[in-house]
């Protein structure tokens, strides 16, 4: 895809095109009119951001859209991600269009397509960023030298606190696995598997130390993860599962830990 670039980028752009496409591009500059190339209409120079060039016409596998990123480009990408996160989190994947994101962010759809191939790749990027943030916040809790029980308590506490502090991204992550009509980003499934495996390892340590009773560590880990996530899911989808007023993060984390660890400790 050729995105709109300053005219000073013309030589760099030209060098990446094959002969027939380069001639068409030159003609579009000279005539300021659309021309035909390889069965496609190449827009006039000022509208090249509207044209998606077939990858086959770019030599040596170099994509024009992969020009070096500028600080402004990174800022624009972050803005697109932020706006899309809010919209996807509020309405779900199917209910949000690229045009909706462009309108809400005050940017053009062509600029979104410059940074992301399509709506699904944008959705995948949001999920991947969210998972990376959660992973960085949670895994260190399970990898410390503290006792297994203390590590589990810190994990639960940080997981629930992160949900309260990052509601927009959590709405996207939750919707990704609850909205059966939308795509489920692979990053979320991989994150769930990684978290359950890490929890199981800590539980196994507790069993080996005699602090926890012998049990299926992976099943126990999946149950703990489920205890956490049912409340997270309810919160981000605005559904009450406790039948009373709002429960704060600390109270919820304490209850989940006491309930789980009460069943795991050796009597």
C-alpha atoms as a PDB file:
ATOM      1  CA  UNK A   1       0.000   0.000   0.000  1.00  0.00           C
ATOM      2  CA  UNK A   2       1.350   3.426  -0.887  1.00  0.00           C
ATOM      3  CA  UNK A   3       0.461   5.955   1.756  1.00  0.00           C
ATOM      4  CA  UNK A   4       0.544   9.691   1.177  1.00  0.00           C
ATOM      5  CA  UNK A   5       4.097  10.947   1.700  1.00  0.00           C
ATOM      6  CA  UNK A   6       5.786  14.360   1.346  1.00  0.00           C
ATOM      7  CA  UNK A   7       7.034  15.085  -2.195  1.00  0.00           C
ATOM      8  CA  UNK A   8      10.615  14.873  -0.877  1.00  0.00           C
ATOM      9  CA  UNK A   9      10.085  11.116  -0.494  1.00  0.00           C
ATOM     10  CA  UNK A  10       9.433  10.766  -4.237  1.00  0.00           C
ATOM     11  CA  UNK A  11      12.904   9.475  -5.176  1.00  0.00           C
ATOM     12  CA  UNK A  12      12.930   6.899  -2.392  1.00  0.00           C
ATOM     13  CA  UNK A  13       9.460   5.776  -3.443  1.00  0.00           C
ATOM     14  CA  UNK A  14      10.390   5.699  -7.139  1.00  0.00           C
ATOM     15  CA  UNK A  15      13.438   3.484  -6.516  1.00  0.00           C
ATOM     16  CA  UNK A  16      11.255   0.755  -5.057  1.00  0.00           C
ATOM     17  CA  UNK A  17       8.918   0.380  -8.054  1.00  0.00           C
ATOM     18  CA  UNK A  18       9.335  -1.882 -11.083  1.00  0.00           C
ATOM     19  CA  UNK A  19       9.702  -0.284 -14.530  1.00  0.00           C
ATOM     20  CA  UNK A  20       6.060  -0.308 -15.646  1.00  0.00           C
ATOM     21  CA  UNK A  21       4.795   0.963 -12.315  1.00  0.00           C
ATOM     22  CA  UNK A  22       7.503   3.642 -12.171  1.00  0.00           C
ATOM     23  CA  UNK A  23       6.483   4.905 -15.609  1.00  0.00           C
ATOM     24  CA  UNK A  24       2.847   5.063 -14.518  1.00  0.00           C
ATOM     25  CA  UNK A  25       3.866   6.870 -11.362  1.00  0.00           C
ATOM     26  CA  UNK A  26       5.868   9.386 -13.422  1.00  0.00           C
ATOM     27  CA  UNK A  27       2.923   9.940 -15.720  1.00  0.00           C
ATOM     28  CA  UNK A  28       0.644  10.595 -12.789  1.00  0.00           C
ATOM     29  CA  UNK A  29       3.045  13.273 -11.517  1.00  0.00           C
ATOM     30  CA  UNK A  30       3.447  14.968 -14.905  1.00  0.00           C
ATOM     31  CA  UNK A  31      -0.222  14.909 -15.896  1.00  0.00           C
ATOM     32  CA  UNK A  32      -1.771  15.132 -12.421  1.00  0.00           C
ATOM     33  CA  UNK A  33      -4.255  12.547 -13.693  1.00  0.00           C
ATOM     34  CA  UNK A  34      -4.881   8.886 -12.987  1.00  0.00           C
ATOM     35  CA  UNK A  35      -3.189   6.418 -15.334  1.00  0.00           C
ATOM     36  CA  UNK A  36      -3.526   2.673 -15.891  1.00  0.00           C
ATOM     37  CA  UNK A  37      -0.863   0.175 -14.801  1.00  0.00           C
ATOM     38  CA  UNK A  38      -1.018  -3.632 -14.565  1.00  0.00           C
ATOM     39  CA  UNK A  39      -4.781  -3.549 -14.781  1.00  0.00           C
ATOM     40  CA  UNK A  40      -5.062  -0.992 -11.989  1.00  0.00           C
ATOM     41  CA  UNK A  41      -5.795   2.701 -12.049  1.00  0.00           C
ATOM     42  CA  UNK A  42      -2.886   4.576 -10.472  1.00  0.00           C
ATOM     43  CA  UNK A  43      -4.273   7.789  -8.913  1.00  0.00           C
ATOM     44  CA  UNK A  44      -2.777  11.173  -9.574  1.00  0.00           C
ATOM     45  CA  UNK A  45       0.238  12.052  -7.454  1.00  0.00           C
ATOM     46  CA  UNK A  46      -1.765  13.940  -4.862  1.00  0.00           C
ATOM     47  CA  UNK A  47      -4.052  10.939  -4.262  1.00  0.00           C
ATOM     48  CA  UNK A  48      -1.524   8.110  -4.186  1.00  0.00           C
ATOM     49  CA  UNK A  49      -2.526   7.367  -0.593  1.00  0.00           C
ATOM     50  CA  UNK A  50      -5.781   6.008  -2.053  1.00  0.00           C
ATOM     51  CA  UNK A  51      -4.011   3.334  -4.092  1.00  0.00           C
ATOM     52  CA  UNK A  52      -3.009  -0.098  -2.817  1.00  0.00           C
ATOM     53  CA  UNK A  53      -0.297  -1.328  -5.139  1.00  0.00           C
ATOM     54  CA  UNK A  54      -0.131  -5.138  -5.609  1.00  0.00           C
ATOM     55  CA  UNK A  55       2.840  -6.548  -3.716  1.00  0.00           C
ATOM     56  CA  UNK A  56       4.024  -8.268  -6.929  1.00  0.00           C
ATOM     57  CA  UNK A  57       4.934  -4.892  -8.418  1.00  0.00           C
ATOM     58  CA  UNK A  58       7.397  -4.044  -5.651  1.00  0.00           C
ATOM     59  CA  UNK A  59      10.897  -5.361  -6.251  1.00  0.00           C
ATOM     60  CA  UNK A  60      12.944  -7.507  -3.878  1.00  0.00           C
ATOM     61  CA  UNK A  61      10.060  -7.866  -1.431  1.00  0.00           C
ATOM     62  CA  UNK A  62      10.420  -4.278  -0.216  1.00  0.00           C
ATOM     63  CA  UNK A  63       7.097  -2.705   0.751  1.00  0.00           C
ATOM     64  CA  UNK A  64       6.756   1.043   0.261  1.00  0.00           C
ATOM     65  CA  UNK A  65       4.703   1.259   3.448  1.00  0.00           C
ATOM     66  CA  UNK A  66       7.735   0.087   5.428  1.00  0.00           C
ATOM     67  CA  UNK A  67       9.632   3.345   5.059  1.00  0.00           C
ATOM     68  CA  UNK A  68      11.554   4.325   8.224  1.00  0.00           C
ATOM     69  CA  UNK A  69       9.162   5.370  10.989  1.00  0.00           C
ATOM     70  CA  UNK A  70       9.340   8.929  12.279  1.00  0.00           C
ATOM     71  CA  UNK A  71       8.478  10.225  15.747  1.00  0.00           C
ATOM     72  CA  UNK A  72       5.316  11.674  14.235  1.00  0.00           C
ATOM     73  CA  UNK A  73       4.441   8.291  12.744  1.00  0.00           C
ATOM     74  CA  UNK A  74       4.871   6.546  16.081  1.00  0.00           C
ATOM     75  CA  UNK A  75       2.695   9.179  17.753  1.00  0.00           C
ATOM     76  CA  UNK A  76       0.005   8.704  15.106  1.00  0.00           C
ATOM     77  CA  UNK A  77       0.119   4.940  15.549  1.00  0.00           C
ATOM     78  CA  UNK A  78      -0.315   5.306  19.299  1.00  0.00           C
ATOM     79  CA  UNK A  79      -3.286   7.608  18.750  1.00  0.00           C
ATOM     80  CA  UNK A  80      -4.920   5.112  16.405  1.00  0.00           C
ATOM     81  CA  UNK A  81      -4.397   2.327  18.945  1.00  0.00           C
ATOM     82  CA  UNK A  82      -5.796   4.435  21.792  1.00  0.00           C
ATOM     83  CA  UNK A  83      -8.927   5.468  19.901  1.00  0.00           C
ATOM     84  CA  UNK A  84      -9.535   1.965  18.532  1.00  0.00           C
ATOM     85  CA  UNK A  85      -9.089   0.472  22.008  1.00  0.00           C
ATOM     86  CA  UNK A  86     -11.843   2.683  23.387  1.00  0.00           C
ATOM     87  CA  UNK A  87     -14.224   1.883  20.531  1.00  0.00           C
ATOM     88  CA  UNK A  88     -13.556  -1.861  20.344  1.00  0.00           C
ATOM     89  CA  UNK A  89     -13.815  -2.109  24.123  1.00  0.00           C
ATOM     90  CA  UNK A  90     -17.145  -0.302  24.197  1.00  0.00           C
ATOM     91  CA  UNK A  91     -18.854  -1.863  21.185  1.00  0.00           C
ATOM     92  CA  UNK A  92     -16.955  -4.979  20.115  1.00  0.00           C
ATOM     93  CA  UNK A  93     -15.101  -5.881  16.917  1.00  0.00           C
ATOM     94  CA  UNK A  94     -18.070  -6.227  14.557  1.00  0.00           C
ATOM     95  CA  UNK A  95     -19.751  -2.989  15.590  1.00  0.00           C
ATOM     96  CA  UNK A  96     -16.762  -0.745  14.870  1.00  0.00           C
ATOM     97  CA  UNK A  97     -15.561   0.181  11.383  1.00  0.00           C
ATOM     98  CA  UNK A  98     -12.292   1.740  10.274  1.00  0.00           C
ATOM     99  CA  UNK A  99     -14.296   4.844   9.393  1.00  0.00           C
ATOM    100  CA  UNK A 100     -15.621   4.990  12.966  1.00  0.00           C
ATOM    101  CA  UNK A 101     -12.055   4.948  14.275  1.00  0.00           C
ATOM    102  CA  UNK A 102     -10.964   7.614  11.807  1.00  0.00           C
ATOM    103  CA  UNK A 103     -13.881   9.882  12.711  1.00  0.00           C
ATOM    104  CA  UNK A 104     -13.356   9.469  16.466  1.00  0.00           C
ATOM    105  CA  UNK A 105      -9.625  10.134  16.156  1.00  0.00           C
ATOM    106  CA  UNK A 106      -9.879  13.005  13.719  1.00  0.00           C
ATOM    107  CA  UNK A 107      -7.624  11.200  11.236  1.00  0.00           C
ATOM    108  CA  UNK A 108      -8.052   9.796   7.727  1.00  0.00           C
ATOM    109  CA  UNK A 109      -8.823   6.152   6.980  1.00  0.00           C
ATOM    110  CA  UNK A 110      -5.821   6.120   4.617  1.00  0.00           C
ATOM    111  CA  UNK A 111      -3.563   6.943   7.559  1.00  0.00           C
ATOM    112  CA  UNK A 112      -4.979   4.003   9.501  1.00  0.00           C
ATOM    113  CA  UNK A 113      -4.343   1.715   6.517  1.00  0.00           C
ATOM    114  CA  UNK A 114      -0.791   3.062   6.335  1.00  0.00           C
ATOM    115  CA  UNK A 115      -0.081   1.741   9.835  1.00  0.00           C
ATOM    116  CA  UNK A 116      -2.321  -1.357   9.815  1.00  0.00           C
ATOM    117  CA  UNK A 117      -3.214  -3.719   6.981  1.00  0.00           C
ATOM    118  CA  UNK A 118      -6.888  -3.949   7.947  1.00  0.00           C
ATOM    119  CA  UNK A 119      -9.275  -3.779  10.896  1.00  0.00           C
ATOM    120  CA  UNK A 120      -8.366  -7.231  12.148  1.00  0.00           C
ATOM    121  CA  UNK A 121      -4.634  -6.502  12.171  1.00  0.00           C
ATOM    122  CA  UNK A 122      -5.381  -3.354  14.196  1.00  0.00           C
ATOM    123  CA  UNK A 123      -7.454  -5.442  16.619  1.00  0.00           C
ATOM    124  CA  UNK A 124      -4.619  -7.973  16.865  1.00  0.00           C
ATOM    125  CA  UNK A 125      -2.135  -5.185  17.619  1.00  0.00           C
ATOM    126  CA  UNK A 126      -4.320  -3.843  20.442  1.00  0.00           C
ATOM    127  CA  UNK A 127      -4.649  -7.316  21.946  1.00  0.00           C
ATOM    128  CA  UNK A 128      -0.915  -7.956  21.645  1.00  0.00           C
ATOM    129  CA  UNK A 129      -0.080  -4.645  23.365  1.00  0.00           C
ATOM    130  CA  UNK A 130      -2.579  -5.382  26.140  1.00  0.00           C
ATOM    131  CA  UNK A 131      -1.247  -8.870  26.688  1.00  0.00           C
ATOM    132  CA  UNK A 132       2.346  -7.584  26.783  1.00  0.00           C
ATOM    133  CA  UNK A 133       1.356  -5.017  29.421  1.00  0.00           C
ATOM    134  CA  UNK A 134      -0.404  -7.622  31.566  1.00  0.00           C
ATOM    135  CA  UNK A 135       2.432 -10.084  31.163  1.00  0.00           C
ATOM    136  CA  UNK A 136       4.996  -7.535  32.320  1.00  0.00           C
ATOM    137  CA  UNK A 137       2.873  -6.741  35.372  1.00  0.00           C
ATOM    138  CA  UNK A 138       2.061 -10.324  36.377  1.00  0.00           C
ATOM    139  CA  UNK A 139       4.847 -12.769  35.582  1.00  0.00           C
ATOM    140  CA  UNK A 140       7.398 -11.174  37.950  1.00  0.00           C
ATOM    141  CA  UNK A 141       4.921 -11.838  40.779  1.00  0.00           C
ATOM    142  CA  UNK A 142       5.205 -15.581  40.140  1.00  0.00           C
ATOM    143  CA  UNK A 143       8.964 -15.652  39.525  1.00  0.00           C
ATOM    144  CA  UNK A 144      10.143 -14.108  42.785  1.00  0.00           C
ATOM    145  CA  UNK A 145      11.849 -15.958  45.632  1.00  0.00           C
ATOM    146  CA  UNK A 146       8.870 -15.550  47.992  1.00  0.00           C
ATOM    147  CA  UNK A 147       6.815 -18.459  49.288  1.00  0.00           C
ATOM    148  CA  UNK A 148       4.306 -20.009  46.847  1.00  0.00           C
ATOM    149  CA  UNK A 149       1.375 -18.645  48.863  1.00  0.00           C
ATOM    150  CA  UNK A 150       2.775 -15.118  48.905  1.00  0.00           C
ATOM    151  CA  UNK A 151       3.470 -15.240  45.157  1.00  0.00           C
ATOM    152  CA  UNK A 152      -0.074 -16.370  44.426  1.00  0.00           C
ATOM    153  CA  UNK A 153      -1.500 -13.585  46.586  1.00  0.00           C
ATOM    154  CA  UNK A 154       0.590 -10.957  44.800  1.00  0.00           C
ATOM    155  CA  UNK A 155      -0.412 -12.346  41.410  1.00  0.00           C
ATOM    156  CA  UNK A 156      -4.119 -12.202  42.213  1.00  0.00           C
ATOM    157  CA  UNK A 157      -3.830  -8.741  43.764  1.00  0.00           C
ATOM    158  CA  UNK A 158      -1.898  -7.302  40.798  1.00  0.00           C
ATOM    159  CA  UNK A 159      -4.138  -8.975  38.227  1.00  0.00           C
ATOM    160  CA  UNK A 160      -7.313  -7.515  39.720  1.00  0.00           C
ATOM    161  CA  UNK A 161      -5.715  -4.112  40.347  1.00  0.00           C
ATOM    162  CA  UNK A 162      -4.565  -3.960  36.702  1.00  0.00           C
ATOM    163  CA  UNK A 163      -8.130  -4.597  35.603  1.00  0.00           C
ATOM    164  CA  UNK A 164      -9.429  -1.680  37.629  1.00  0.00           C
ATOM    165  CA  UNK A 165      -6.656   0.608  36.352  1.00  0.00           C
ATOM    166  CA  UNK A 166      -6.746  -0.377  32.652  1.00  0.00           C
ATOM    167  CA  UNK A 167     -10.418  -0.876  31.921  1.00  0.00           C
ATOM    168  CA  UNK A 168     -10.282   0.065  28.236  1.00  0.00           C
ATOM    169  CA  UNK A 169      -7.721  -2.541  27.237  1.00  0.00           C
ATOM    170  CA  UNK A 170      -9.298  -5.129  29.540  1.00  0.00           C
ATOM    171  CA  UNK A 171     -12.634  -4.576  27.794  1.00  0.00           C
ATOM    172  CA  UNK A 172     -10.971  -5.412  24.488  1.00  0.00           C
ATOM    173  CA  UNK A 173      -9.270  -8.529  25.884  1.00  0.00           C
ATOM    174  CA  UNK A 174     -12.477  -9.773  27.486  1.00  0.00           C
ATOM    175  CA  UNK A 175     -14.618  -9.012  24.449  1.00  0.00           C
ATOM    176  CA  UNK A 176     -12.138 -10.832  22.250  1.00  0.00           C
ATOM    177  CA  UNK A 177     -12.952 -14.108  24.012  1.00  0.00           C
ATOM    178  CA  UNK A 178     -16.639 -13.509  24.748  1.00  0.00           C
ATOM    179  CA  UNK A 179     -17.792 -12.104  21.394  1.00  0.00           C
ATOM    180  CA  UNK A 180     -18.227 -15.231  19.309  1.00  0.00           C
ATOM    181  CA  UNK A 181     -18.702 -13.224  16.093  1.00  0.00           C
ATOM    182  CA  UNK A 182     -15.356 -11.461  16.251  1.00  0.00           C
ATOM    183  CA  UNK A 183     -11.836 -12.857  15.826  1.00  0.00           C
ATOM    184  CA  UNK A 184     -10.099 -14.180  18.930  1.00  0.00           C
ATOM    185  CA  UNK A 185      -6.542 -12.810  18.839  1.00  0.00           C
ATOM    186  CA  UNK A 186      -3.975 -15.579  19.220  1.00  0.00           C
ATOM    187  CA  UNK A 187      -2.050 -13.469  21.716  1.00  0.00           C
ATOM    188  CA  UNK A 188      -4.877 -13.749  24.253  1.00  0.00           C
ATOM    189  CA  UNK A 189      -5.076 -17.532  23.990  1.00  0.00           C
ATOM    190  CA  UNK A 190      -1.303 -17.796  24.318  1.00  0.00           C
ATOM    191  CA  UNK A 191      -1.382 -15.457  27.338  1.00  0.00           C
ATOM    192  CA  UNK A 192      -4.007 -17.602  29.077  1.00  0.00           C
ATOM    193  CA  UNK A 193      -1.972 -20.757  28.505  1.00  0.00           C
ATOM    194  CA  UNK A 194       1.208 -19.079  29.767  1.00  0.00           C
ATOM    195  CA  UNK A 195      -0.470 -17.727  32.911  1.00  0.00           C
ATOM    196  CA  UNK A 196      -2.065 -21.075  33.786  1.00  0.00           C
ATOM    197  CA  UNK A 197       1.281 -22.856  33.281  1.00  0.00           C
ATOM    198  CA  UNK A 198       3.103 -20.327  35.475  1.00  0.00           C
ATOM    199  CA  UNK A 199       0.462 -20.630  38.207  1.00  0.00           C
ATOM    200  CA  UNK A 200       0.677 -24.425  38.018  1.00  0.00           C
ATOM    201  CA  UNK A 201       4.454 -24.286  38.547  1.00  0.00           C
ATOM    202  CA  UNK A 202       4.027 -22.221  41.719  1.00  0.00           C
ATOM    203  CA  UNK A 203       1.339 -24.579  42.995  1.00  0.00           C
ATOM    204  CA  UNK A 204       3.635 -27.553  42.329  1.00  0.00           C
ATOM    205  CA  UNK A 205       6.312 -25.877  44.444  1.00  0.00           C
ATOM    206  CA  UNK A 206       3.811 -25.461  47.250  1.00  0.00           C
ATOM    207  CA  UNK A 207       2.857 -29.128  47.033  1.00  0.00           C
ATOM    208  CA  UNK A 208       6.523 -30.178  47.033  1.00  0.00           C
ATOM    209  CA  UNK A 209       7.182 -27.983  50.097  1.00  0.00           C
ATOM    210  CA  UNK A 210       4.250 -29.512  51.949  1.00  0.00           C
ATOM    211  CA  UNK A 211       2.398 -26.170  52.125  1.00  0.00           C
ATOM    212  CA  UNK A 212      -0.331 -27.290  49.706  1.00  0.00           C
ATOM    213  CA  UNK A 213      -2.149 -30.594  49.661  1.00  0.00           C
ATOM    214  CA  UNK A 214      -1.425 -32.957  46.737  1.00  0.00           C
ATOM    215  CA  UNK A 215      -3.697 -32.194  43.801  1.00  0.00           C
ATOM    216  CA  UNK A 216      -3.724 -31.674  40.049  1.00  0.00           C
ATOM    217  CA  UNK A 217      -1.662 -28.493  39.844  1.00  0.00           C
ATOM    218  CA  UNK A 218      -2.770 -27.483  36.358  1.00  0.00           C
ATOM    219  CA  UNK A 219      -6.455 -27.978  37.161  1.00  0.00           C
ATOM    220  CA  UNK A 220      -6.001 -25.971  40.349  1.00  0.00           C
ATOM    221  CA  UNK A 221      -4.238 -23.215  38.370  1.00  0.00           C
ATOM    222  CA  UNK A 222      -7.041 -23.099  35.803  1.00  0.00           C
ATOM    223  CA  UNK A 223      -9.601 -22.834  38.615  1.00  0.00           C
ATOM    224  CA  UNK A 224      -7.716 -19.940  40.229  1.00  0.00           C
ATOM    225  CA  UNK A 225      -7.428 -18.147  36.888  1.00  0.00           C
ATOM    226  CA  UNK A 226     -11.143 -18.681  36.384  1.00  0.00           C
ATOM    227  CA  UNK A 227     -11.956 -17.286  39.845  1.00  0.00           C
ATOM    228  CA  UNK A 228     -10.082 -14.118  38.956  1.00  0.00           C
ATOM    229  CA  UNK A 229     -11.455 -13.751  35.466  1.00  0.00           C
ATOM    230  CA  UNK A 230     -15.141 -14.224  36.195  1.00  0.00           C
ATOM    231  CA  UNK A 231     -15.021 -11.022  38.254  1.00  0.00           C
ATOM    232  CA  UNK A 232     -12.891  -9.254  35.657  1.00  0.00           C
ATOM    233  CA  UNK A 233     -15.304 -10.243  32.896  1.00  0.00           C
ATOM    234  CA  UNK A 234     -18.304  -9.115  34.921  1.00  0.00           C
ATOM    235  CA  UNK A 235     -16.677  -5.765  35.691  1.00  0.00           C
ATOM    236  CA  UNK A 236     -15.690  -4.836  32.155  1.00  0.00           C
ATOM    237  CA  UNK A 237     -19.047  -5.952  30.748  1.00  0.00           C
ATOM    238  CA  UNK A 238     -20.927  -4.079  33.481  1.00  0.00           C
ATOM    239  CA  UNK A 239     -22.609  -7.205  34.842  1.00  0.00           C
ATOM    240  CA  UNK A 240     -23.030  -7.847  38.566  1.00  0.00           C
ATOM    241  CA  UNK A 241     -22.240 -11.348  39.808  1.00  0.00           C
ATOM    242  CA  UNK A 242     -22.132 -10.593  43.537  1.00  0.00           C
ATOM    243  CA  UNK A 243     -25.609  -9.145  43.964  1.00  0.00           C
ATOM    244  CA  UNK A 244     -24.511  -6.061  45.901  1.00  0.00           C
ATOM    245  CA  UNK A 245     -22.730  -2.773  45.467  1.00  0.00           C
ATOM    246  CA  UNK A 246     -19.295  -2.375  43.915  1.00  0.00           C
ATOM    247  CA  UNK A 247     -16.447  -4.359  45.463  1.00  0.00           C
ATOM    248  CA  UNK A 248     -13.051  -2.695  45.456  1.00  0.00           C
ATOM    249  CA  UNK A 249      -9.949  -4.375  44.061  1.00  0.00           C
ATOM    250  CA  UNK A 250      -8.316  -5.082  47.424  1.00  0.00           C
ATOM    251  CA  UNK A 251     -11.434  -6.662  48.907  1.00  0.00           C
ATOM    252  CA  UNK A 252     -12.000  -8.821  45.838  1.00  0.00           C
ATOM    253  CA  UNK A 253      -8.375  -9.982  45.682  1.00  0.00           C
ATOM    254  CA  UNK A 254      -8.410 -10.880  49.378  1.00  0.00           C
ATOM    255  CA  UNK A 255     -11.607 -12.911  49.038  1.00  0.00           C
ATOM    256  CA  UNK A 256     -10.381 -14.844  45.975  1.00  0.00           C
ATOM    257  CA  UNK A 257      -7.056 -15.651  47.658  1.00  0.00           C
ATOM    258  CA  UNK A 258      -8.628 -16.757  50.941  1.00  0.00           C
ATOM    259  CA  UNK A 259     -11.131 -18.958  49.145  1.00  0.00           C
ATOM    260  CA  UNK A 260      -8.546 -20.629  46.907  1.00  0.00           C
ATOM    261  CA  UNK A 261      -5.744 -20.983  49.436  1.00  0.00           C
ATOM    262  CA  UNK A 262      -8.175 -22.226  52.081  1.00  0.00           C
ATOM    263  CA  UNK A 263      -8.826 -25.222  49.860  1.00  0.00           C
ATOM    264  CA  UNK A 264      -5.156 -25.725  48.976  1.00  0.00           C
ATOM    265  CA  UNK A 265      -3.515 -25.633  52.416  1.00  0.00           C
ATOM    266  CA  UNK A 266      -2.657 -28.838  54.219  1.00  0.00           C
ATOM    267  CA  UNK A 267      -5.046 -29.172  57.181  1.00  0.00           C
END
